[in-house]
C-alpha cells in the first residue's frame, strides 16, 4: 500500500468561508476546530448534534437544511465533507471543488481529499498535530487521548505565562541574542517524559486480523482464539 505522508502545515482560515457537509459527530468535531481558528462556517445538514444546534442558535454557524449545490462553493476556501456513505455526493463535491481549486477533505475517503485532518492536542495556545499518514487513525486518536492527559491545565497556564514574558522581553530588550537567551532560559529545564505501553500479544492479534476471513467477528462465540475482540 502506498502511503501519502502529506506535507504538514497550518491553514489560515481566519474570517474565511468554510463549508461543512453533515451534522453528526464528525461535523461537530471539525466545526469546533474551524470555530477555534476563526472561520465563517456554512453547514448543510438535515439533523444536527446538540452542540451544532447551540452554535447555530448563537449565530456562530450558518445552518441550512438542504442538499449541496455547486453555488455553495462560491467564495469558499475549503470544504469538510463528513458524510461517509454517499460516494456519489463525495465524488461530485470533489470534482466541482477541484475545478475551482477549493480545498477538500472527505471523511474516511482519502482518495477524495487534497488535505488531511490530523488528531489535535490543543491545551491553551499549544497545537500538537498527530498523523499516522492515514495508516491507523485509531492509533492517532489514542495518542491524542493520552497526550491530552500530559498537557493539562497547568501546562496551559505555563504557556500563557511564557507568552506574557516573551511580550515583555521583546518590548524591553533591544539586543537580539540577549532576548533569545532570556526566553530560552525560561524553558531550559522543561521536558516531557513518557513510556510507550504496547497491547499484550499485539503481534498475534494483528496476524489474526491479516489472515482471518473476519466473517465471524460479530459472533462472540465464533471468534478466533487470538481475535483482539475476545475478552477471555
Protein backbone atom coordinates (compact mmCIF):
# COMPACT_ATOMS: atom_id res chain seq x y z
CA UNK A 1 0.00 0.00 0.00
CA UNK A 2 1.39 3.38 -1.00
CA UNK A 3 1.30 5.76 1.96
CA UNK A 4 0.99 9.50 1.46
CA UNK A 5 2.73 11.23 4.40
CA UNK A 6 1.29 14.62 3.42
CA UNK A 7 3.02 17.96 3.95
CA UNK A 8 2.31 19.24 7.44
CA UNK A 9 1.17 22.88 7.51
CA UNK A 10 -1.24 25.10 9.40
CA UNK A 11 -4.01 26.72 7.34
CA UNK A 12 -5.11 30.29 7.96
CA UNK A 13 -8.93 30.15 7.91
CA UNK A 14 -9.49 33.32 9.94
CA UNK A 15 -12.58 35.11 8.53
CA UNK A 16 -12.69 32.71 5.54
CA UNK A 17 -15.82 30.94 4.30
CA UNK A 18 -15.68 27.21 5.01
CA UNK A 19 -18.34 24.66 4.07
CA UNK A 20 -19.21 21.65 6.24
CA UNK A 21 -21.42 18.84 4.93
CA UNK A 22 -23.19 16.70 7.53
CA UNK A 23 -24.44 17.33 11.04
CA UNK A 24 -23.28 14.43 13.17
CA UNK A 25 -20.30 13.83 15.47
CA UNK A 26 -17.60 14.32 12.81
CA UNK A 27 -19.20 17.56 11.66
CA UNK A 28 -19.34 18.75 15.26
CA UNK A 29 -15.66 17.99 15.90
CA UNK A 30 -14.45 19.60 12.70
CA UNK A 31 -16.76 22.61 13.03
CA UNK A 32 -15.44 23.16 16.53
CA UNK A 33 -11.90 23.26 15.23
CA UNK A 34 -12.88 25.69 12.49
CA UNK A 35 -14.59 27.94 15.02
CA UNK A 36 -11.48 27.91 17.21
CA UNK A 37 -9.50 29.04 14.16
CA UNK A 38 -11.90 31.92 13.40
CA UNK A 39 -13.59 30.54 10.26
CA UNK A 40 -17.02 31.54 8.93
CA UNK A 41 -18.93 28.26 8.65
CA UNK A 42 -21.85 27.29 6.46
CA UNK A 43 -23.27 23.91 7.49
CA UNK A 44 -25.51 21.80 5.24
CA UNK A 45 -27.38 19.05 7.10
CA UNK A 46 -30.87 17.79 7.91
CA UNK A 47 -30.15 16.92 11.54
CA UNK A 48 -27.66 18.47 13.96
CA UNK A 49 -25.99 17.35 17.16
CA UNK A 50 -26.89 19.38 20.27
CA UNK A 51 -23.57 21.26 20.10
CA UNK A 52 -24.15 22.21 16.45
CA UNK A 53 -27.66 23.36 17.33
CA UNK A 54 -26.26 25.56 20.10
CA UNK A 55 -23.64 27.10 17.80
CA UNK A 56 -26.34 27.76 15.19
CA UNK A 57 -28.67 29.42 17.71
CA UNK A 58 -25.77 31.54 18.94
CA UNK A 59 -25.09 32.72 15.39
CA UNK A 60 -21.66 31.15 15.26
CA UNK A 61 -22.64 28.83 12.38
CA UNK A 62 -24.93 29.37 9.40
CA UNK A 63 -27.08 26.24 9.07
CA UNK A 64 -29.14 25.38 6.01
CA UNK A 65 -31.35 22.29 5.90
CA UNK A 66 -30.85 21.34 2.27
CA UNK A 67 -28.64 19.40 -0.12
CA UNK A 68 -25.32 20.56 -1.52
CA UNK A 69 -25.37 22.83 -4.59
CA UNK A 70 -22.47 23.93 -6.79
CA UNK A 71 -23.08 27.56 -5.82
CA UNK A 72 -22.12 26.63 -2.23
CA UNK A 73 -18.53 26.68 -3.47
CA UNK A 74 -18.70 30.36 -4.41
CA UNK A 75 -16.01 32.22 -2.44
CA UNK A 76 -15.42 29.08 -0.35
CA UNK A 77 -11.90 28.41 0.94
CA UNK A 78 -12.29 24.78 1.97
CA UNK A 79 -14.87 22.01 2.27
CA UNK A 80 -15.15 19.42 5.03
CA UNK A 81 -17.40 16.60 3.85
CA UNK A 82 -18.26 14.49 6.90
CA UNK A 83 -20.82 12.26 5.12
CA UNK A 84 -19.07 8.88 4.71
CA UNK A 85 -21.73 6.77 2.99
CA UNK A 86 -22.68 8.76 -0.12
CA UNK A 87 -19.91 8.21 -2.66
CA UNK A 88 -21.87 9.88 -5.45
CA UNK A 89 -22.10 13.09 -3.41
CA UNK A 90 -18.48 12.81 -2.32
CA UNK A 91 -17.27 12.41 -5.91
CA UNK A 92 -19.40 15.34 -7.13
CA UNK A 93 -18.17 17.65 -4.38
CA UNK A 94 -14.58 16.59 -5.04
CA UNK A 95 -14.78 17.18 -8.80
CA UNK A 96 -16.53 20.55 -8.53
CA UNK A 97 -14.17 21.77 -5.81
CA UNK A 98 -11.08 20.59 -7.71
CA UNK A 99 -12.21 22.56 -10.76
CA UNK A 100 -12.29 25.68 -8.58
CA UNK A 101 -9.08 24.93 -6.66
CA UNK A 102 -11.05 24.65 -3.41
CA UNK A 103 -9.50 22.51 -0.68
CA UNK A 104 -11.49 19.36 0.22
CA UNK A 105 -11.36 16.79 2.98
CA UNK A 106 -13.77 13.86 2.72
CA UNK A 107 -14.15 11.88 5.94
CA UNK A 108 -12.63 8.37 5.73
CA UNK A 109 -12.19 8.68 1.93
CA UNK A 110 -8.57 9.78 1.33
CA UNK A 111 -8.91 9.39 -2.45
CA UNK A 112 -11.25 12.39 -2.35
CA UNK A 113 -9.01 14.63 -0.25
CA UNK A 114 -6.28 17.13 -1.03
CA UNK A 115 -5.51 17.81 2.62
CA UNK A 116 -5.66 15.67 5.74
CA UNK A 117 -7.19 16.19 9.17
CA UNK A 118 -4.79 15.34 11.96
CA UNK A 119 -5.56 14.35 15.54
CA UNK A 120 -5.06 17.51 17.56
CA UNK A 121 -3.93 18.19 21.11
CA UNK A 122 -4.65 21.83 21.95
CA UNK A 123 -4.45 22.93 25.57
CA UNK A 124 -4.27 26.71 25.61
CA UNK A 125 -2.14 28.00 22.75
CA UNK A 126 -0.47 24.65 22.01
CA UNK A 127 -1.32 22.94 18.74
CA UNK A 128 0.22 19.48 18.64
CA UNK A 129 -0.71 17.59 15.47
CA UNK A 130 -0.63 13.79 15.27
CA UNK A 131 -0.72 11.90 11.98
CA UNK A 132 -0.07 8.28 11.07
CA UNK A 133 -0.23 9.08 7.32
CA UNK A 134 -3.71 7.52 7.33
CA UNK A 135 -2.29 4.10 8.24
CA UNK A 136 -4.08 4.00 11.60
CA UNK A 137 -6.42 6.87 12.51
CA UNK A 138 -7.41 4.81 15.56
CA UNK A 139 -3.85 4.96 16.90
CA UNK A 140 -3.66 8.70 16.21
CA UNK A 141 -6.86 9.14 18.23
CA UNK A 142 -5.45 7.03 21.06
CA UNK A 143 -2.23 9.06 21.13
CA UNK A 144 -4.28 12.25 21.27
CA UNK A 145 -6.28 10.98 24.24
CA UNK A 146 -3.14 10.07 26.19
CA UNK A 147 -1.30 13.28 25.35
CA UNK A 148 -4.29 15.34 26.48
CA UNK A 149 -3.65 13.90 29.96
CA UNK A 150 0.00 15.01 29.77
CA UNK A 151 -0.62 18.57 28.55
CA UNK A 152 -3.09 19.55 31.27
CA UNK A 153 -4.46 22.85 32.59
CA UNK A 154 -1.17 23.56 34.37
CA UNK A 155 0.59 23.42 31.01
CA UNK A 156 -1.87 25.92 29.53
CA UNK A 157 -1.18 28.28 32.46
CA UNK A 158 2.58 27.81 31.97
CA UNK A 159 2.28 28.61 28.27
CA UNK A 160 0.23 31.74 29.00
CA UNK A 161 2.94 32.91 31.38
CA UNK A 162 5.65 32.29 28.78
CA UNK A 163 3.65 34.31 26.24
CA UNK A 164 3.42 37.25 28.66
CA UNK A 165 7.13 37.02 29.42
CA UNK A 166 8.01 36.91 25.72
CA UNK A 167 5.91 40.02 25.03
CA UNK A 168 7.63 41.92 27.84
CA UNK A 169 11.13 40.83 26.84
CA UNK A 170 10.53 41.80 23.20
CA UNK A 171 9.37 45.27 24.25
CA UNK A 172 12.21 46.00 26.69
CA UNK A 173 15.30 44.14 25.45
CA UNK A 174 16.71 45.51 22.19
CA UNK A 175 19.66 43.12 21.90
CA UNK A 176 18.51 40.05 19.96
CA UNK A 177 20.99 37.50 21.43
CA UNK A 178 20.05 38.62 24.94
CA UNK A 179 16.33 38.26 24.14
CA UNK A 180 16.87 34.73 22.85
CA UNK A 181 18.98 33.82 25.88
CA UNK A 182 16.35 35.08 28.31
CA UNK A 183 13.48 33.27 26.61
CA UNK A 184 15.41 30.01 26.24
CA UNK A 185 16.36 30.16 29.91
CA UNK A 186 12.67 30.13 30.85
CA UNK A 187 12.19 26.70 29.22
CA UNK A 188 15.66 25.26 29.82
CA UNK A 189 14.52 22.74 32.43
CA UNK A 190 11.20 21.87 30.81
CA UNK A 191 10.97 18.34 29.41
CA UNK A 192 8.43 15.67 28.54
CA UNK A 193 8.87 12.19 29.98
CA UNK A 194 6.92 9.16 28.87
CA UNK A 195 6.89 5.45 28.10
CA UNK A 196 5.01 3.52 25.43
CA UNK A 197 2.84 0.57 26.53
CA UNK A 198 2.01 -1.83 23.69
CA UNK A 199 -1.05 -4.13 23.87
CA UNK A 200 -0.28 -7.67 25.11
CA UNK A 201 0.13 -10.14 22.25
CA UNK A 202 -0.35 -7.36 19.71
CA UNK A 203 1.61 -9.21 17.03
CA UNK A 204 -0.63 -12.30 17.25
CA UNK A 205 -3.73 -10.16 17.19
CA UNK A 206 -2.59 -8.26 14.09
CA UNK A 207 -1.63 -11.53 12.37
CA UNK A 208 -5.12 -12.86 13.09
CA UNK A 209 -6.76 -9.81 11.52
CA UNK A 210 -4.46 -10.08 8.49
CA UNK A 211 -5.17 -13.75 7.80
CA UNK A 212 -8.64 -14.45 9.23
CA UNK A 213 -11.71 -14.21 6.98
CA UNK A 214 -13.25 -11.92 9.66
CA UNK A 215 -16.74 -13.22 8.88
CA UNK A 216 -17.35 -14.46 12.43
CA UNK A 217 -16.13 -11.41 14.37
CA UNK A 218 -19.66 -10.24 15.17
CA UNK A 219 -20.42 -13.60 16.87
CA UNK A 220 -18.54 -13.69 20.18
CA UNK A 221 -18.73 -17.48 20.44
CA UNK A 222 -17.14 -17.99 17.00
CA UNK A 223 -14.25 -15.53 17.25
CA UNK A 224 -10.74 -16.85 16.62
CA UNK A 225 -8.63 -17.70 19.65
CA UNK A 226 -6.38 -14.67 19.02
CA UNK A 227 -9.11 -12.27 17.90
CA UNK A 228 -8.45 -8.85 19.52
CA UNK A 229 -12.20 -8.63 20.28
CA UNK A 230 -12.06 -11.63 22.64
CA UNK A 231 -12.23 -10.62 26.29
CA UNK A 232 -11.34 -14.02 27.77
